[in-house]
PDB file of all heavy atoms in Angstrom:
ATOM      1  N   SER A   1      98.377  71.909 117.975  1.00  0.00           N
ATOM      2  CA  SER A   1      98.991  70.636 117.568  1.00  0.00           C
ATOM      3  C   SER A   1      97.980  69.621 117.055  1.00  0.00           C
ATOM      4  O   SER A   1      98.327  68.742 116.268  1.00  0.00           O
ATOM      5  CB  SER A   1      99.775  70.041 118.737  1.00  0.00           C
ATOM      6  OG  SER A   1      98.934  69.825 119.854  1.00  0.00           O
ATOM      7  N   ASN A   2      96.718  69.708 117.498  1.00  0.00           N
ATOM      8  CA  ASN A   2      95.697  68.750 117.057  1.00  0.00           C
ATOM      9  C   ASN A   2      94.798  69.305 115.960  1.00  0.00           C
ATOM     10  O   ASN A   2      93.800  68.675 115.602  1.00  0.00           O
ATOM     11  CB  ASN A   2      94.811  68.330 118.240  1.00  0.00           C
ATOM     12  CG  ASN A   2      95.546  67.451 119.224  1.00  0.00           C
ATOM     13  OD1 ASN A   2      96.407  66.653 118.831  1.00  0.00           O
ATOM     14  ND2 ASN A   2      95.231  67.584 120.500  1.00  0.00           N
ATOM     15  N   LEU A   3      95.125  70.472 115.424  1.00  0.00           N
ATOM     16  CA  LEU A   3      94.221  71.140 114.489  1.00  0.00           C
ATOM     17  C   LEU A   3      94.680  70.975 113.052  1.00  0.00           C
ATOM     18  O   LEU A   3      95.876  70.850 112.770  1.00  0.00           O
ATOM     19  CB  LEU A   3      94.149  72.628 114.824  1.00  0.00           C
ATOM     20  CG  LEU A   3      93.667  72.996 116.223  1.00  0.00           C
ATOM     21  CD1 LEU A   3      93.644  74.513 116.388  1.00  0.00           C
ATOM     22  CD2 LEU A   3      92.294  72.412 116.505  1.00  0.00           C
ATOM     23  N   ASP A   4      93.703  70.996 112.139  1.00  0.00           N
ATOM     24  CA  ASP A   4      94.052  71.010 110.725  1.00  0.00           C
ATOM     25  C   ASP A   4      94.505  72.414 110.339  1.00  0.00           C
ATOM     26  O   ASP A   4      94.489  73.351 111.145  1.00  0.00           O
ATOM     27  CB  ASP A   4      92.890  70.522 109.855  1.00  0.00           C
ATOM     28  CG  ASP A   4      91.633  71.378 109.991  1.00  0.00           C
ATOM     29  OD1 ASP A   4      91.750  72.607 110.216  1.00  0.00           O
ATOM     30  OD2 ASP A   4      90.526  70.832 109.861  1.00  0.00           O
ATOM     31  N   ILE A   5      94.937  72.547 109.087  1.00  0.00           N
ATOM     32  CA  ILE A   5      95.541  73.808 108.654  1.00  0.00           C
ATOM     33  C   ILE A   5      94.567  74.973 108.791  1.00  0.00           C
ATOM     34  O   ILE A   5      94.930  76.061 109.261  1.00  0.00           O
ATOM     35  CB  ILE A   5      96.036  73.684 107.201  1.00  0.00           C
ATOM     36  CG1 ILE A   5      97.169  72.671 107.126  1.00  0.00           C
ATOM     37  CG2 ILE A   5      96.517  75.043 106.680  1.00  0.00           C
ATOM     38  CD1 ILE A   5      97.583  72.321 105.711  1.00  0.00           C
ATOM     39  N   LYS A   6      93.302  74.755 108.402  1.00  0.00           N
ATOM     40  CA  LYS A   6      92.329  75.849 108.439  1.00  0.00           C
ATOM     41  C   LYS A   6      92.194  76.424 109.847  1.00  0.00           C
ATOM     42  O   LYS A   6      92.279  77.646 110.043  1.00  0.00           O
ATOM     43  CB  LYS A   6      90.959  75.361 107.956  1.00  0.00           C
ATOM     44  CG  LYS A   6      89.862  76.407 108.133  1.00  0.00           C
ATOM     45  CD  LYS A   6      88.474  75.874 107.820  1.00  0.00           C
ATOM     46  CE  LYS A   6      87.411  76.917 108.126  1.00  0.00           C
ATOM     47  NZ  LYS A   6      86.042  76.424 107.854  1.00  0.00           N
ATOM     48  N   TYR A   7      91.989  75.546 110.836  1.00  0.00           N
ATOM     49  CA  TYR A   7      91.745  76.046 112.188  1.00  0.00           C
ATOM     50  C   TYR A   7      93.034  76.499 112.861  1.00  0.00           C
ATOM     51  O   TYR A   7      93.008  77.383 113.726  1.00  0.00           O
ATOM     52  CB  TYR A   7      91.025  74.985 113.015  1.00  0.00           C
ATOM     53  CG  TYR A   7      89.606  74.778 112.544  1.00  0.00           C
ATOM     54  CD1 TYR A   7      89.182  73.560 112.027  1.00  0.00           C
ATOM     55  CD2 TYR A   7      88.686  75.826 112.577  1.00  0.00           C
ATOM     56  CE1 TYR A   7      87.885  73.384 111.576  1.00  0.00           C
ATOM     57  CE2 TYR A   7      87.389  75.665 112.136  1.00  0.00           C
ATOM     58  CZ  TYR A   7      86.998  74.443 111.627  1.00  0.00           C
ATOM     59  OH  TYR A   7      85.710  74.277 111.177  1.00  0.00           O
ATOM     60  N   THR A   8      94.166  75.924 112.462  1.00  0.00           N
ATOM     61  CA  THR A   8      95.445  76.432 112.962  1.00  0.00           C
ATOM     62  C   THR A   8      95.619  77.890 112.565  1.00  0.00           C
ATOM     63  O   THR A   8      95.925  78.748 113.405  1.00  0.00           O
ATOM     64  CB  THR A   8      96.604  75.599 112.398  1.00  0.00           C
ATOM     65  OG1 THR A   8      96.549  74.275 112.948  1.00  0.00           O
ATOM     66  CG2 THR A   8      97.952  76.230 112.750  1.00  0.00           C
ATOM     67  N   LEU A   9      95.411  78.185 111.294  1.00  0.00           N
ATOM     68  CA  LEU A   9      95.552  79.561 110.823  1.00  0.00           C
ATOM     69  C   LEU A   9      94.508  80.476 111.462  1.00  0.00           C
ATOM     70  O   LEU A   9      94.810  81.611 111.851  1.00  0.00           O
ATOM     71  CB  LEU A   9      95.428  79.613 109.304  1.00  0.00           C
ATOM     72  CG  LEU A   9      96.503  78.853 108.512  1.00  0.00           C
ATOM     73  CD1 LEU A   9      96.220  78.946 107.016  1.00  0.00           C
ATOM     74  CD2 LEU A   9      97.889  79.367 108.821  1.00  0.00           C
ATOM     75  N   SER A  10      93.280  79.986 111.597  1.00  0.00           N
ATOM     76  CA  SER A  10      92.204  80.797 112.161  1.00  0.00           C
ATOM     77  C   SER A  10      92.515  81.213 113.595  1.00  0.00           C
ATOM     78  O   SER A  10      92.377  82.395 113.957  1.00  0.00           O
ATOM     79  CB  SER A  10      90.888  80.010 112.107  1.00  0.00           C
ATOM     80  OG  SER A  10      89.852  80.721 112.754  1.00  0.00           O
ATOM     81  N   LEU A  11      92.965  80.257 114.419  1.00  0.00           N
ATOM     82  CA  LEU A  11      93.212  80.579 115.823  1.00  0.00           C
ATOM     83  C   LEU A  11      94.477  81.408 115.999  1.00  0.00           C
ATOM     84  O   LEU A  11      94.517  82.313 116.845  1.00  0.00           O
ATOM     85  CB  LEU A  11      93.280  79.294 116.646  1.00  0.00           C
ATOM     86  CG  LEU A  11      91.961  78.511 116.733  1.00  0.00           C
ATOM     87  CD1 LEU A  11      92.115  77.290 117.634  1.00  0.00           C
ATOM     88  CD2 LEU A  11      90.806  79.377 117.221  1.00  0.00           C
ATOM     89  N   LEU A  12      95.508  81.137 115.201  1.00  0.00           N
ATOM     90  CA  LEU A  12      96.701  81.980 115.289  1.00  0.00           C
ATOM     91  C   LEU A  12      96.404  83.400 114.798  1.00  0.00           C
ATOM     92  O   LEU A  12      96.973  84.370 115.320  1.00  0.00           O
ATOM     93  CB  LEU A  12      97.850  81.368 114.491  1.00  0.00           C
ATOM     94  CG  LEU A  12      98.465  80.106 115.103  1.00  0.00           C
ATOM     95  CD1 LEU A  12      99.567  79.556 114.194  1.00  0.00           C
ATOM     96  CD2 LEU A  12      99.019  80.368 116.506  1.00  0.00           C
ATOM     97  N   ASN A  13      95.494  83.531 113.831  1.00  0.00           N
ATOM     98  CA  ASN A  13      95.072  84.868 113.402  1.00  0.00           C
ATOM     99  C   ASN A  13      94.385  85.610 114.546  1.00  0.00           C
ATOM    100  O   ASN A  13      94.576  86.819 114.721  1.00  0.00           O
ATOM    101  CB  ASN A  13      94.136  84.775 112.200  1.00  0.00           C
ATOM    102  CG  ASN A  13      94.867  84.487 110.898  1.00  0.00           C
ATOM    103  OD1 ASN A  13      96.053  84.788 110.778  1.00  0.00           O
ATOM    104  ND2 ASN A  13      94.184  83.903 109.933  1.00  0.00           N
ATOM    105  N   LEU A  14      93.567  84.894 115.328  1.00  0.00           N
ATOM    106  CA  LEU A  14      92.909  85.527 116.470  1.00  0.00           C
ATOM    107  C   LEU A  14      93.941  85.994 117.499  1.00  0.00           C
ATOM    108  O   LEU A  14      93.847  87.100 118.043  1.00  0.00           O
ATOM    109  CB  LEU A  14      91.931  84.549 117.118  1.00  0.00           C
ATOM    110  CG  LEU A  14      90.652  84.236 116.341  1.00  0.00           C
ATOM    111  CD1 LEU A  14      89.848  83.156 117.068  1.00  0.00           C
ATOM    112  CD2 LEU A  14      89.803  85.483 116.165  1.00  0.00           C
ATOM    113  N   ALA A  15      94.931  85.149 117.773  1.00  0.00           N
ATOM    114  CA  ALA A  15      95.967  85.518 118.738  1.00  0.00           C
ATOM    115  C   ALA A  15      96.762  86.724 118.240  1.00  0.00           C
ATOM    116  O   ALA A  15      97.003  87.682 118.986  1.00  0.00           O
ATOM    117  CB  ALA A  15      96.897  84.338 118.995  1.00  0.00           C
ATOM    118  N   ALA A  16      97.159  86.688 116.970  1.00  0.00           N
ATOM    119  CA  ALA A  16      97.929  87.806 116.404  1.00  0.00           C
ATOM    120  C   ALA A  16      97.094  89.074 116.345  1.00  0.00           C
ATOM    121  O   ALA A  16      97.611  90.178 116.546  1.00  0.00           O
ATOM    122  CB  ALA A  16      98.428  87.435 115.011  1.00  0.00           C
ATOM    123  N   GLY A  17      95.796  88.935 116.099  1.00  0.00           N
ATOM    124  CA  GLY A  17      94.916  90.098 116.082  1.00  0.00           C
ATOM    125  C   GLY A  17      94.850  90.784 117.433  1.00  0.00           C
ATOM    126  O   GLY A  17      94.782  92.018 117.508  1.00  0.00           O
ATOM    127  N   GLY A  18      94.887  89.988 118.516  1.00  0.00           N
ATOM    128  CA  GLY A  18      94.896  90.579 119.855  1.00  0.00           C
ATOM    129  C   GLY A  18      96.160  91.377 120.128  1.00  0.00           C
ATOM    130  O   GLY A  18      96.133  92.382 120.835  1.00  0.00           O
ATOM    131  N   VAL A  19      97.286  90.928 119.561  1.00  0.00           N
ATOM    132  CA  VAL A  19      98.536  91.670 119.706  1.00  0.00           C
ATOM    133  C   VAL A  19      98.434  93.015 119.002  1.00  0.00           C
ATOM    134  O   VAL A  19      98.802  94.055 119.550  1.00  0.00           O
ATOM    135  CB  VAL A  19      99.717  90.848 119.133  1.00  0.00           C
ATOM    136  CG1 VAL A  19     101.006  91.682 119.145  1.00  0.00           C
ATOM    137  CG2 VAL A  19      99.900  89.562 119.922  1.00  0.00           C
ATOM    138  N   ARG A  20      97.890  93.005 117.788  1.00  0.00           N
ATOM    139  CA  ARG A  20      97.828  94.237 116.992  1.00  0.00           C
ATOM    140  C   ARG A  20      96.786  95.218 117.506  1.00  0.00           C
ATOM    141  O   ARG A  20      97.036  96.418 117.605  1.00  0.00           O
ATOM    142  CB  ARG A  20      97.526  93.883 115.528  1.00  0.00           C
ATOM    143  CG  ARG A  20      98.654  93.138 114.808  1.00  0.00           C
ATOM    144  CD  ARG A  20      98.378  93.063 113.316  1.00  0.00           C
ATOM    145  NE  ARG A  20      97.107  92.405 113.041  1.00  0.00           N
ATOM    146  CZ  ARG A  20      96.983  91.102 112.821  1.00  0.00           C
ATOM    147  NH1 ARG A  20      98.043  90.309 112.857  1.00  0.00           N
ATOM    148  NH2 ARG A  20      95.792  90.563 112.568  1.00  0.00           N
ATOM    149  N   SER A  21      95.595  94.704 117.836  1.00  0.00           N
ATOM    150  CA  SER A  21      94.490  95.615 118.156  1.00  0.00           C
ATOM    151  C   SER A  21      94.396  95.966 119.632  1.00  0.00           C
ATOM    152  O   SER A  21      93.928  97.054 119.983  1.00  0.00           O
ATOM    153  CB  SER A  21      93.157  95.006 117.696  1.00  0.00           C
ATOM    154  OG  SER A  21      92.895  93.793 118.393  1.00  0.00           O
ATOM    155  N   ASP A  22      94.825  95.058 120.518  1.00  0.00           N
ATOM    156  CA  ASP A  22      94.656  95.278 121.957  1.00  0.00           C
ATOM    157  C   ASP A  22      95.971  95.284 122.728  1.00  0.00           C
ATOM    158  O   ASP A  22      95.960  95.270 123.960  1.00  0.00           O
ATOM    159  CB  ASP A  22      93.739  94.200 122.543  1.00  0.00           C
ATOM    160  CG  ASP A  22      92.359  94.217 121.904  1.00  0.00           C
ATOM    161  OD1 ASP A  22      91.834  95.328 121.684  1.00  0.00           O
ATOM    162  OD2 ASP A  22      91.817  93.137 121.601  1.00  0.00           O
ATOM    163  N   ALA A  23      97.098  95.286 122.000  1.00  0.00           N
ATOM    164  CA  ALA A  23      98.433  95.318 122.629  1.00  0.00           C
ATOM    165  C   ALA A  23      98.653  94.158 123.591  1.00  0.00           C
ATOM    166  O   ALA A  23      99.351  94.291 124.602  1.00  0.00           O
ATOM    167  CB  ALA A  23      98.655  96.652 123.344  1.00  0.00           C
ATOM    168  N   LYS A  24      98.055  93.004 123.296  1.00  0.00           N
ATOM    169  CA  LYS A  24      98.271  91.824 124.120  1.00  0.00           C
ATOM    170  C   LYS A  24      99.659  91.257 123.864  1.00  0.00           C
ATOM    171  O   LYS A  24     100.281  91.505 122.823  1.00  0.00           O
ATOM    172  CB  LYS A  24      97.210  90.763 123.827  1.00  0.00           C
ATOM    173  CG  LYS A  24      95.797  91.157 124.267  1.00  0.00           C
ATOM    174  CD  LYS A  24      94.811  90.051 123.975  1.00  0.00           C
ATOM    175  CE  LYS A  24      93.382  90.445 124.367  1.00  0.00           C
ATOM    176  NZ  LYS A  24      93.209  90.538 125.823  1.00  0.00           N
ATOM    177  N   THR A  25     100.141  90.486 124.818  1.00  0.00           N
ATOM    178  CA  THR A  25     101.406  89.779 124.682  1.00  0.00           C
ATOM    179  C   THR A  25     101.102  88.298 124.523  1.00  0.00           C
ATOM    180  O   THR A  25     100.402  87.718 125.360  1.00  0.00           O
ATOM    181  CB  THR A  25     102.298  89.993 125.918  1.00  0.00           C
ATOM    182  OG1 THR A  25     102.526  91.392 126.088  1.00  0.00           O
ATOM    183  CG2 THR A  25     103.631  89.277 125.757  1.00  0.00           C
ATOM    184  N   VAL A  26     101.595  87.687 123.455  1.00  0.00           N
ATOM    185  CA  VAL A  26     101.412  86.262 123.223  1.00  0.00           C
ATOM    186  C   VAL A  26     102.769  85.583 123.300  1.00  0.00           C
ATOM    187  O   VAL A  26     103.741  86.035 122.684  1.00  0.00           O
ATOM    188  CB  VAL A  26     100.760  85.977 121.851  1.00  0.00           C
ATOM    189  CG1 VAL A  26     100.661  84.478 121.598  1.00  0.00           C
ATOM    190  CG2 VAL A  26      99.378  86.616 121.777  1.00  0.00           C
ATOM    191  N   VAL A  27     102.831  84.507 124.078  1.00  0.00           N
ATOM    192  CA  VAL A  27     104.044  83.691 124.160  1.00  0.00           C
ATOM    193  C   VAL A  27     103.646  82.271 123.783  1.00  0.00           C
ATOM    194  O   VAL A  27     102.818  81.654 124.460  1.00  0.00           O
ATOM    195  CB  VAL A  27     104.659  83.710 125.571  1.00  0.00           C
ATOM    196  CG1 VAL A  27     105.984  82.959 125.571  1.00  0.00           C
ATOM    197  CG2 VAL A  27     104.839  85.135 126.074  1.00  0.00           C
ATOM    198  N   ALA A  28     104.219  81.751 122.697  1.00  0.00           N
ATOM    199  CA  ALA A  28     103.776  80.477 122.155  1.00  0.00           C
ATOM    200  C   ALA A  28     104.939  79.533 121.916  1.00  0.00           C
ATOM    201  O   ALA A  28     105.962  79.920 121.350  1.00  0.00           O
ATOM    202  CB  ALA A  28     103.023  80.700 120.841  1.00  0.00           C
ATOM    203  N   VAL A  29     104.765  78.288 122.348  1.00  0.00           N
ATOM    204  CA  VAL A  29     105.644  77.213 121.909  1.00  0.00           C
ATOM    205  C   VAL A  29     105.060  76.659 120.625  1.00  0.00           C
ATOM    206  O   VAL A  29     103.896  76.247 120.585  1.00  0.00           O
ATOM    207  CB  VAL A  29     105.757  76.104 122.977  1.00  0.00           C
ATOM    208  CG1 VAL A  29     106.370  74.838 122.378  1.00  0.00           C
ATOM    209  CG2 VAL A  29     106.585  76.580 124.155  1.00  0.00           C
TER     210      VAL A  29
END
């Protein structure tokens, strides 16, 4: 919520990458 577009996309990419590569579960509001 406090991030600009670049870092929003960067961190959500990291979260989504964990789902794809490590079978993590992400729950996000």
